[in-house]
Amino acid sequence: MKNKNLVFVLLSILMCLGCNSKPEKKKIEDTGNTIVVLTTNYGEITLELFNDTPKHRDNFIKLINEHAYDSLLFHRVMKDFVIQGGDPDSKNAPIGKFLGEGDLDYTVPAEFRPNLFHKRGALATAREENLTRASSAMQFFIVDGKVYNDSLLNVAQQRINTMTARYHVIKSKAHKPLFEALKIANEGNDEQLVTKLNDSIQQLAETYTDFETYTIPEAHRAVYKSIGGIPHLDQNYTVFGEVIEGMNVVDSIVNLPTDENDRPLENVIILSAELKNR
């Protein structure tokens, strides 16, 4: 899952507006799902964790109970895409430091569900490319996204299937060594070799057909055409919750100026993450 400096005065105004942002107050329906409140220096974001994805739900709850997210940053902010946080290395990280590679020493098994998709406000997990599509233990993102028309949704659908084909290619016995070589090249920061190996895998994926192709359901299309989202991530990243209050806070964050690595020029801090009683 990586804009340009505005004058300091504008940044200060945005910060001020963000700090005064209050979540929309509405009665929270009791669905039996777990509620989490992220308190940031821009306001509160209230999340609902889905029982349909119990491994991700339980892992998130465990980390919250351990206060693992307290004082971490939203280190990656991309308008029309996501705000991403949860890198343990982001705690007390100096301004400008590259972030996004920190994690714990385990992953969470993928939990793709046909009813869960990357609509605006969805809560999902980041991950590195791997042979099981397992999720990062800590890093998560909230979808900002954009509104799509049918033509753009058709392109997104093609991207979903290309990514799925790539997954089947890299886990196949014939091409697994290619993926292992890519991992080594990435670890060694050999950009030229990474590009070469990625191109080879992508060429194989574009002609690979031995898998069940995915069609974006009409109900999902209707949502993407109304409130928006990021459809090309469907079936490749686990969605395990959604924002039920505080999208105005997400909007404040996603509009902040960022550096070349999509990190906000001023820190967006998760002051606390807490479970909430209805």
Protein backbone atom coordinates (compact mmCIF):
# COMPACT_ATOMS: atom_id res chain seq x y z
CA MET A 1 0.00 0.00 0.00
CA LYS A 2 3.49 5.52 -0.82
CA ASN A 3 2.46 15.81 -2.46
CA LYS A 4 3.70 18.97 -1.85
CA ASN A 5 4.43 21.61 0.77
CA LEU A 6 1.86 24.28 1.44
CA VAL A 7 2.75 27.43 3.32
CA PHE A 8 3.09 27.13 7.08
CA VAL A 9 0.09 29.37 7.66
CA LEU A 10 -2.22 27.04 5.77
CA LEU A 11 -0.82 24.04 7.63
CA SER A 12 -1.44 25.80 10.94
CA ILE A 13 -5.04 26.51 9.94
CA LEU A 14 -5.58 22.89 8.96
CA MET A 15 -4.07 21.72 12.24
CA CYS A 16 -6.35 24.04 14.15
CA LEU A 17 -9.43 22.91 12.28
CA GLY A 18 -8.45 19.29 12.76
CA CYS A 19 -7.96 19.68 16.50
CA ASN A 20 -11.44 21.12 16.78
CA SER A 21 -13.02 18.41 14.66
CA LYS A 22 -15.65 16.51 16.59
CA PRO A 23 -16.99 13.14 15.49
CA GLU A 24 -20.54 13.11 14.20
CA LYS A 25 -22.72 12.14 17.15
CA LYS A 26 -25.29 9.50 16.37
CA LYS A 27 -26.74 6.50 18.12
CA ILE A 28 -24.53 3.46 17.56
CA GLU A 29 -26.62 0.46 16.58
CA ASP A 30 -25.90 -2.62 18.68
CA THR A 31 -24.77 -5.16 16.09
CA GLY A 32 -22.85 -7.28 18.56
CA ASN A 33 -19.58 -6.17 16.97
CA THR A 34 -16.69 -4.66 18.96
CA ILE A 35 -16.35 -0.86 19.01
CA VAL A 36 -12.95 0.87 19.14
CA VAL A 37 -12.18 4.58 19.55
CA LEU A 38 -8.95 5.96 18.11
CA THR A 39 -8.23 9.32 19.73
CA THR A 40 -5.88 11.37 17.56
CA ASN A 41 -4.57 14.92 17.74
CA TYR A 42 -7.14 15.65 15.01
CA GLY A 43 -10.13 14.15 16.81
CA GLU A 44 -11.78 10.80 17.42
CA ILE A 45 -12.38 8.01 14.91
CA THR A 46 -14.82 5.31 16.02
CA LEU A 47 -14.41 1.88 14.44
CA GLU A 48 -16.58 -1.21 14.38
CA LEU A 49 -14.73 -4.55 14.16
CA PHE A 50 -16.53 -7.27 12.25
CA ASN A 51 -17.21 -10.66 13.80
CA ASP A 52 -16.93 -12.09 10.26
CA THR A 53 -13.15 -11.71 10.58
CA PRO A 54 -12.44 -13.10 14.06
CA LYS A 55 -8.67 -13.52 13.70
CA HIS A 56 -8.19 -9.87 12.75
CA ARG A 57 -10.74 -8.70 15.33
CA ASP A 58 -9.07 -10.62 18.14
CA ASN A 59 -5.58 -9.52 17.12
CA PHE A 60 -6.64 -5.85 17.03
CA ILE A 61 -8.31 -6.17 20.44
CA LYS A 62 -5.19 -7.82 21.88
CA LEU A 63 -2.98 -5.00 20.62
CA ILE A 64 -5.38 -2.37 21.96
CA ASN A 65 -5.41 -4.03 25.39
CA GLU A 66 -1.60 -3.97 25.29
CA HIS A 67 -1.70 -0.23 24.39
CA ALA A 68 0.41 -1.11 21.35
CA TYR A 69 -1.10 1.67 19.21
CA ASP A 70 -0.81 4.46 21.78
CA SER A 71 1.53 7.24 20.56
CA LEU A 72 2.01 5.71 17.09
CA LEU A 73 1.50 7.75 13.92
CA PHE A 74 -0.62 7.71 10.82
CA HIS A 75 2.58 7.62 8.79
CA ARG A 76 1.12 7.27 5.29
CA VAL A 77 -1.57 9.64 4.04
CA MET A 78 -2.78 9.64 0.43
CA LYS A 79 -5.82 11.63 -0.70
CA ASP A 80 -8.36 9.52 -2.61
CA PHE A 81 -6.63 6.44 -1.21
CA VAL A 82 -5.92 5.75 2.48
CA ILE A 83 -4.59 6.86 5.82
CA GLN A 84 -2.28 4.16 7.20
CA GLY A 85 -0.90 3.64 10.69
CA GLY A 86 0.38 1.08 13.13
CA ASP A 87 4.09 1.00 12.36
CA PRO A 88 5.69 0.37 15.79
CA ASP A 89 8.78 2.25 14.61
CA SER A 90 6.70 5.43 14.28
CA LYS A 91 6.61 6.07 18.03
CA ASN A 92 8.70 9.19 18.70
CA ALA A 93 10.00 9.06 15.11
CA PRO A 94 11.58 12.37 14.05
CA ILE A 95 9.85 14.41 11.36
CA GLY A 96 10.86 13.23 7.89
CA LYS A 97 12.01 9.75 8.87
CA PHE A 98 10.89 7.09 6.40
CA LEU A 99 8.32 4.80 8.02
CA GLY A 100 6.20 1.83 7.05
CA GLU A 101 8.54 -1.14 7.41
CA GLY A 102 8.05 -1.86 11.12
CA ASP A 103 5.91 -4.73 12.38
CA LEU A 104 5.73 -7.53 14.92
CA ASP A 105 7.20 -10.99 14.34
CA TYR A 106 3.99 -12.65 13.17
CA THR A 107 1.26 -12.27 10.58
CA VAL A 108 -2.52 -12.78 10.66
CA PRO A 109 -4.06 -15.31 8.25
CA ALA A 110 -6.07 -13.72 5.44
CA GLU A 111 -9.83 -13.51 6.01
CA PHE A 112 -11.39 -12.47 2.71
CA ARG A 113 -15.19 -12.34 2.87
CA PRO A 114 -17.53 -11.80 -0.11
CA ASN A 115 -19.58 -9.22 1.82
CA LEU A 116 -16.61 -7.12 2.97
CA PHE A 117 -15.00 -4.72 0.52
CA HIS A 118 -12.94 -1.54 0.37
CA LYS A 119 -15.70 1.07 0.43
CA ARG A 120 -15.02 4.55 1.85
CA GLY A 121 -14.49 4.18 5.60
CA ALA A 122 -13.44 0.53 5.49
CA LEU A 123 -10.80 -0.63 7.97
CA ALA A 124 -8.30 -3.06 6.47
CA THR A 125 -4.84 -4.47 7.03
CA ALA A 126 -1.65 -3.63 5.21
CA ARG A 127 0.62 -6.47 4.16
CA GLU A 128 3.74 -7.33 2.25
CA GLU A 129 3.47 -9.63 -0.74
CA ASN A 130 3.55 -13.19 0.56
CA LEU A 131 2.50 -16.69 -0.45
CA THR A 132 -0.63 -16.77 1.74
CA ARG A 133 -1.73 -13.10 1.52
CA ALA A 134 -1.41 -12.94 5.31
CA SER A 135 -1.84 -9.55 6.98
CA SER A 136 0.56 -7.38 8.92
CA ALA A 137 0.24 -7.93 12.66
CA MET A 138 -0.01 -4.19 13.40
CA GLN A 139 -0.29 -1.98 10.33
CA PHE A 140 -3.78 -1.03 9.20
CA PHE A 141 -5.41 1.52 6.93
CA ILE A 142 -8.70 3.39 6.65
CA VAL A 143 -10.08 3.90 3.15
CA ASP A 144 -10.61 7.41 1.80
CA GLY A 145 -10.99 6.39 -1.84
CA LYS A 146 -12.90 8.07 -4.62
CA VAL A 147 -16.15 7.65 -6.55
CA TYR A 148 -16.04 5.34 -9.58
CA ASN A 149 -18.14 4.96 -12.71
CA ASP A 150 -18.77 1.66 -14.50
CA SER A 151 -15.85 2.11 -16.86
CA LEU A 152 -13.40 2.68 -14.00
CA LEU A 153 -14.90 -0.24 -12.09
CA ASN A 154 -14.24 -2.49 -15.07
CA VAL A 155 -10.59 -1.42 -14.99
CA ALA A 156 -10.48 -2.06 -11.23
CA GLN A 157 -11.97 -5.51 -11.76
CA GLN A 158 -9.24 -6.30 -14.24
CA ARG A 159 -6.63 -5.15 -11.70
CA ILE A 160 -8.15 -7.43 -9.05
CA ASN A 161 -7.84 -10.41 -11.34
CA THR A 162 -4.30 -9.49 -12.39
CA MET A 163 -3.26 -9.31 -8.72
CA THR A 164 -4.99 -12.62 -8.07
CA ALA A 165 -3.21 -14.17 -11.04
CA ARG A 166 0.10 -12.83 -9.71
CA TYR A 167 -0.62 -14.47 -6.36
CA HIS A 168 -1.21 -17.84 -8.03
CA VAL A 169 1.95 -17.44 -10.10
CA ILE A 170 4.26 -16.75 -7.15
CA LYS A 171 2.92 -19.62 -5.08
CA SER A 172 3.13 -22.14 -7.93
CA LYS A 173 5.92 -24.69 -7.71
CA ALA A 174 7.26 -23.65 -11.09
CA HIS A 175 7.63 -19.95 -10.25
CA LYS A 176 8.15 -19.91 -6.48
CA PRO A 177 11.95 -19.57 -6.95
CA LEU A 178 11.30 -16.35 -8.87
CA PHE A 179 9.40 -14.95 -5.89
CA GLU A 180 12.14 -16.04 -3.47
CA ALA A 181 14.69 -14.24 -5.64
CA LEU A 182 12.48 -11.12 -5.55
CA LYS A 183 12.38 -11.24 -1.74
CA ILE A 184 16.17 -11.42 -1.57
CA ALA A 185 16.52 -8.54 -4.04
CA ASN A 186 14.11 -6.45 -1.97
CA GLU A 187 16.00 -7.20 1.23
CA GLY A 188 19.23 -6.19 -0.49
CA ASN A 189 17.70 -2.99 -1.91
CA ASP A 190 18.75 -4.05 -5.41
CA GLU A 191 16.27 -1.84 -7.26
CA GLN A 192 17.38 -2.88 -10.74
CA LEU A 193 16.96 -6.57 -9.98
CA VAL A 194 13.66 -5.94 -8.18
CA THR A 195 12.31 -4.20 -11.28
CA LYS A 196 13.51 -7.00 -13.55
CA LEU A 197 12.00 -9.77 -11.41
CA ASN A 198 8.75 -7.86 -10.89
CA ASP A 199 8.41 -7.40 -14.64
CA SER A 200 8.96 -11.12 -15.19
CA ILE A 201 6.32 -12.07 -12.62
CA GLN A 202 3.88 -9.51 -14.01
CA GLN A 203 4.28 -10.85 -17.54
CA LEU A 204 3.47 -14.34 -16.28
CA ALA A 205 0.45 -13.02 -14.36
CA GLU A 206 -1.00 -11.29 -17.41
CA THR A 207 -1.29 -14.60 -19.25
CA TYR A 208 -2.12 -16.85 -16.27
CA THR A 209 -5.70 -18.16 -16.36
CA ASP A 210 -5.79 -21.16 -14.01
CA PHE A 211 -7.94 -19.50 -11.32
CA GLU A 212 -11.52 -18.39 -10.79
CA THR A 213 -11.86 -14.80 -11.96
CA TYR A 214 -13.61 -12.26 -9.76
CA THR A 215 -16.59 -10.12 -10.74
CA ILE A 216 -17.42 -7.06 -8.64
CA PRO A 217 -20.98 -7.64 -7.35
CA GLU A 218 -23.63 -5.16 -8.45
CA ALA A 219 -24.32 -4.19 -4.83
CA HIS A 220 -20.64 -3.30 -4.37
CA ARG A 221 -20.63 -1.39 -7.66
CA ALA A 222 -23.55 0.71 -6.43
CA VAL A 223 -21.60 1.66 -3.29
CA TYR A 224 -18.43 2.48 -5.24
CA LYS A 225 -20.52 4.68 -7.57
CA SER A 226 -22.14 6.53 -4.65
CA ILE A 227 -19.72 6.98 -1.72
CA GLY A 228 -16.57 5.58 -3.34
CA GLY A 229 -13.69 3.45 -2.14
CA ILE A 230 -10.74 1.47 -3.55
CA PRO A 231 -12.22 -1.48 -5.47
CA HIS A 232 -8.96 -2.83 -6.89
CA LEU A 233 -7.88 -3.90 -3.38
CA ASP A 234 -10.84 -6.27 -2.99
CA GLN A 235 -10.02 -9.95 -2.51
CA ASN A 236 -6.36 -9.14 -1.97
CA TYR A 237 -6.38 -7.35 1.42
CA THR A 238 -8.48 -8.23 4.47
CA VAL A 239 -11.25 -5.80 5.44
CA PHE A 240 -12.08 -6.32 9.12
CA GLY A 241 -14.06 -3.26 10.18
CA GLU A 242 -15.31 0.21 9.28
CA VAL A 243 -15.55 3.78 10.54
CA ILE A 244 -18.94 4.45 12.11
CA GLU A 245 -18.14 7.93 13.47
CA GLY A 246 -15.41 10.40 12.64
CA MET A 247 -14.97 10.29 8.87
CA ASN A 248 -14.67 14.08 9.14
CA VAL A 249 -11.47 13.44 11.11
CA VAL A 250 -10.23 11.07 8.40
CA ASP A 251 -11.02 13.79 5.85
CA SER A 252 -9.00 16.32 7.86
CA ILE A 253 -6.02 13.97 7.97
CA VAL A 254 -6.13 12.89 4.35
CA ASN A 255 -5.98 16.50 3.15
CA LEU A 256 -2.77 17.32 5.03
CA PRO A 257 0.38 18.16 3.06
CA THR A 258 2.90 15.31 2.97
CA ASP A 259 6.50 14.62 1.99
CA GLU A 260 7.76 12.49 -0.90
CA ASN A 261 7.05 9.33 1.13
CA ASP A 262 3.43 10.36 1.83
CA ARG A 263 4.20 11.07 5.48
CA PRO A 264 2.41 14.16 6.85
CA LEU A 265 4.70 17.14 7.40
CA GLU A 266 3.29 17.41 10.93
CA ASN A 267 2.73 14.27 12.98
CA VAL A 268 -0.74 12.73 13.11
CA ILE A 269 -0.64 10.88 16.42
CA ILE A 270 -2.83 8.06 17.70
CA LEU A 271 -2.97 9.32 21.28
CA SER A 272 -4.89 6.25 22.41
CA ALA A 273 -6.85 3.27 21.11
CA GLU A 274 -9.56 2.02 23.44
CA LEU A 275 -12.45 -0.43 23.44
CA LYS A 276 -15.80 1.29 23.90
CA ASN A 277 -18.99 0.12 25.55
CA ARG A 278 -22.14 0.84 23.57
